[in-house]
Amino acid sequence: APEADLTHLNPEVSFRDQLDIDSMDFLNFVIALHEALHIEIPETDYGKLSSLAGCATYVMAAQGGQKTS
């Protein structure tokens, strides 16, 4: 969502609700996250990445080698 004002994102609210993105946009986001951070993201974990807070928690755990469940 290139036109989105990311400075006003609520970390607890889903990206889809705030940025009006569809499932393909979200999939592209997950792929970009995987490529940028070199972390494996199984499809079963996609729901954990639905918000900024969820992404932060998931990435910190993935990079620290901790389980994200």
C-alpha atoms as a PDB file:
ATOM      1  CA  ALA A   1       0.000   0.000   0.000  1.00  0.00           C
ATOM      2  CA  PRO A   2       2.357   2.713  -1.233  1.00  0.00           C
ATOM      3  CA  GLU A   3      -0.142   5.482  -0.467  1.00  0.00           C
ATOM      4  CA  ALA A   4      -0.563   4.404   3.166  1.00  0.00           C
ATOM      5  CA  ASP A   5       0.538   6.631   6.021  1.00  0.00           C
ATOM      6  CA  LEU A   6       2.586   4.135   8.007  1.00  0.00           C
ATOM      7  CA  THR A   7       3.314   6.602  10.800  1.00  0.00           C
ATOM      8  CA  HIS A   8      -0.196   6.070  12.152  1.00  0.00           C
ATOM      9  CA  LEU A   9      -0.280   2.263  12.192  1.00  0.00           C
ATOM     10  CA  ASN A  10      -1.777   0.779  15.325  1.00  0.00           C
ATOM     11  CA  PRO A  11       0.556  -2.121  16.190  1.00  0.00           C
ATOM     12  CA  GLU A  12      -2.313  -4.235  17.521  1.00  0.00           C
ATOM     13  CA  VAL A  13      -4.683  -3.910  14.539  1.00  0.00           C
ATOM     14  CA  SER A  14      -4.279  -6.098  11.460  1.00  0.00           C
ATOM     15  CA  PHE A  15      -2.546  -4.727   8.392  1.00  0.00           C
ATOM     16  CA  ARG A  16      -5.526  -5.757   6.265  1.00  0.00           C
ATOM     17  CA  ASP A  17      -7.900  -3.599   8.313  1.00  0.00           C
ATOM     18  CA  GLN A  18      -5.598  -0.584   8.398  1.00  0.00           C
ATOM     19  CA  LEU A  19      -4.107  -0.674   4.922  1.00  0.00           C
ATOM     20  CA  ASP A  20      -6.989  -2.199   2.972  1.00  0.00           C
ATOM     21  CA  ILE A  21      -4.762  -4.876   1.437  1.00  0.00           C
ATOM     22  CA  ASP A  22      -5.938  -8.135  -0.076  1.00  0.00           C
ATOM     23  CA  SER A  23      -4.576 -11.644   0.364  1.00  0.00           C
ATOM     24  CA  MET A  24      -2.089 -11.291  -2.516  1.00  0.00           C
ATOM     25  CA  ASP A  25      -0.711  -8.069  -1.039  1.00  0.00           C
ATOM     26  CA  PHE A  26      -0.320  -9.825   2.303  1.00  0.00           C
ATOM     27  CA  LEU A  27       1.408 -12.790   0.646  1.00  0.00           C
ATOM     28  CA  ASN A  28       3.815 -10.394  -1.086  1.00  0.00           C
ATOM     29  CA  PHE A  29       4.526  -8.816   2.306  1.00  0.00           C
ATOM     30  CA  VAL A  30       5.315 -12.224   3.849  1.00  0.00           C
ATOM     31  CA  ILE A  31       7.610 -13.083   0.930  1.00  0.00           C
ATOM     32  CA  ALA A  32       9.404  -9.742   1.250  1.00  0.00           C
ATOM     33  CA  LEU A  33       9.828 -10.299   4.989  1.00  0.00           C
ATOM     34  CA  HIS A  34      11.284 -13.753   4.317  1.00  0.00           C
ATOM     35  CA  GLU A  35      13.706 -12.429   1.697  1.00  0.00           C
ATOM     36  CA  ALA A  36      14.791  -9.368   3.673  1.00  0.00           C
ATOM     37  CA  LEU A  37      15.368 -11.154   6.981  1.00  0.00           C
ATOM     38  CA  HIS A  38      16.274 -14.640   5.726  1.00  0.00           C
ATOM     39  CA  ILE A  39      13.816 -16.376   8.021  1.00  0.00           C
ATOM     40  CA  GLU A  40      11.620 -19.317   7.128  1.00  0.00           C
ATOM     41  CA  ILE A  41       7.920 -18.571   7.510  1.00  0.00           C
ATOM     42  CA  PRO A  42       5.686 -21.617   7.166  1.00  0.00           C
ATOM     43  CA  GLU A  43       2.202 -20.974   5.817  1.00  0.00           C
ATOM     44  CA  THR A  44       0.754 -22.083   9.144  1.00  0.00           C
ATOM     45  CA  ASP A  45       2.433 -19.043  10.764  1.00  0.00           C
ATOM     46  CA  TYR A  46       1.068 -16.385   8.387  1.00  0.00           C
ATOM     47  CA  GLY A  47      -1.657 -15.456  10.859  1.00  0.00           C
ATOM     48  CA  LYS A  48       0.991 -14.486  13.394  1.00  0.00           C
ATOM     49  CA  LEU A  49       2.179 -11.800  10.970  1.00  0.00           C
ATOM     50  CA  SER A  50      -1.163 -10.054  10.592  1.00  0.00           C
ATOM     51  CA  SER A  51      -0.218  -7.009  12.695  1.00  0.00           C
ATOM     52  CA  LEU A  52       2.875  -4.957  13.411  1.00  0.00           C
ATOM     53  CA  ALA A  53       3.046  -6.312  16.969  1.00  0.00           C
ATOM     54  CA  GLY A  54       2.644  -9.869  15.702  1.00  0.00           C
ATOM     55  CA  CYS A  55       5.418  -9.364  13.159  1.00  0.00           C
ATOM     56  CA  ALA A  56       7.773  -7.944  15.764  1.00  0.00           C
ATOM     57  CA  THR A  57       7.170 -10.841  18.139  1.00  0.00           C
ATOM     58  CA  TYR A  58       7.514 -13.430  15.368  1.00  0.00           C
ATOM     59  CA  VAL A  59      10.699 -11.961  13.884  1.00  0.00           C
ATOM     60  CA  MET A  60      12.372 -11.543  17.273  1.00  0.00           C
ATOM     61  CA  ALA A  61      11.620 -15.163  18.140  1.00  0.00           C
ATOM     62  CA  ALA A  62      12.703 -16.418  14.716  1.00  0.00           C
ATOM     63  CA  GLN A  63      15.992 -14.562  14.825  1.00  0.00           C
ATOM     64  CA  GLY A  64      16.616 -15.605  18.397  1.00  0.00           C
ATOM     65  CA  GLY A  65      15.886 -19.242  17.654  1.00  0.00           C
ATOM     66  CA  GLN A  66      12.928 -19.338  20.028  1.00  0.00           C
ATOM     67  CA  LYS A  67       9.655 -21.084  19.314  1.00  0.00           C
ATOM     68  CA  THR A  68       6.868 -18.737  18.158  1.00  0.00           C
ATOM     69  CA  SER A  69       3.813 -20.669  19.296  1.00  0.00           C
END
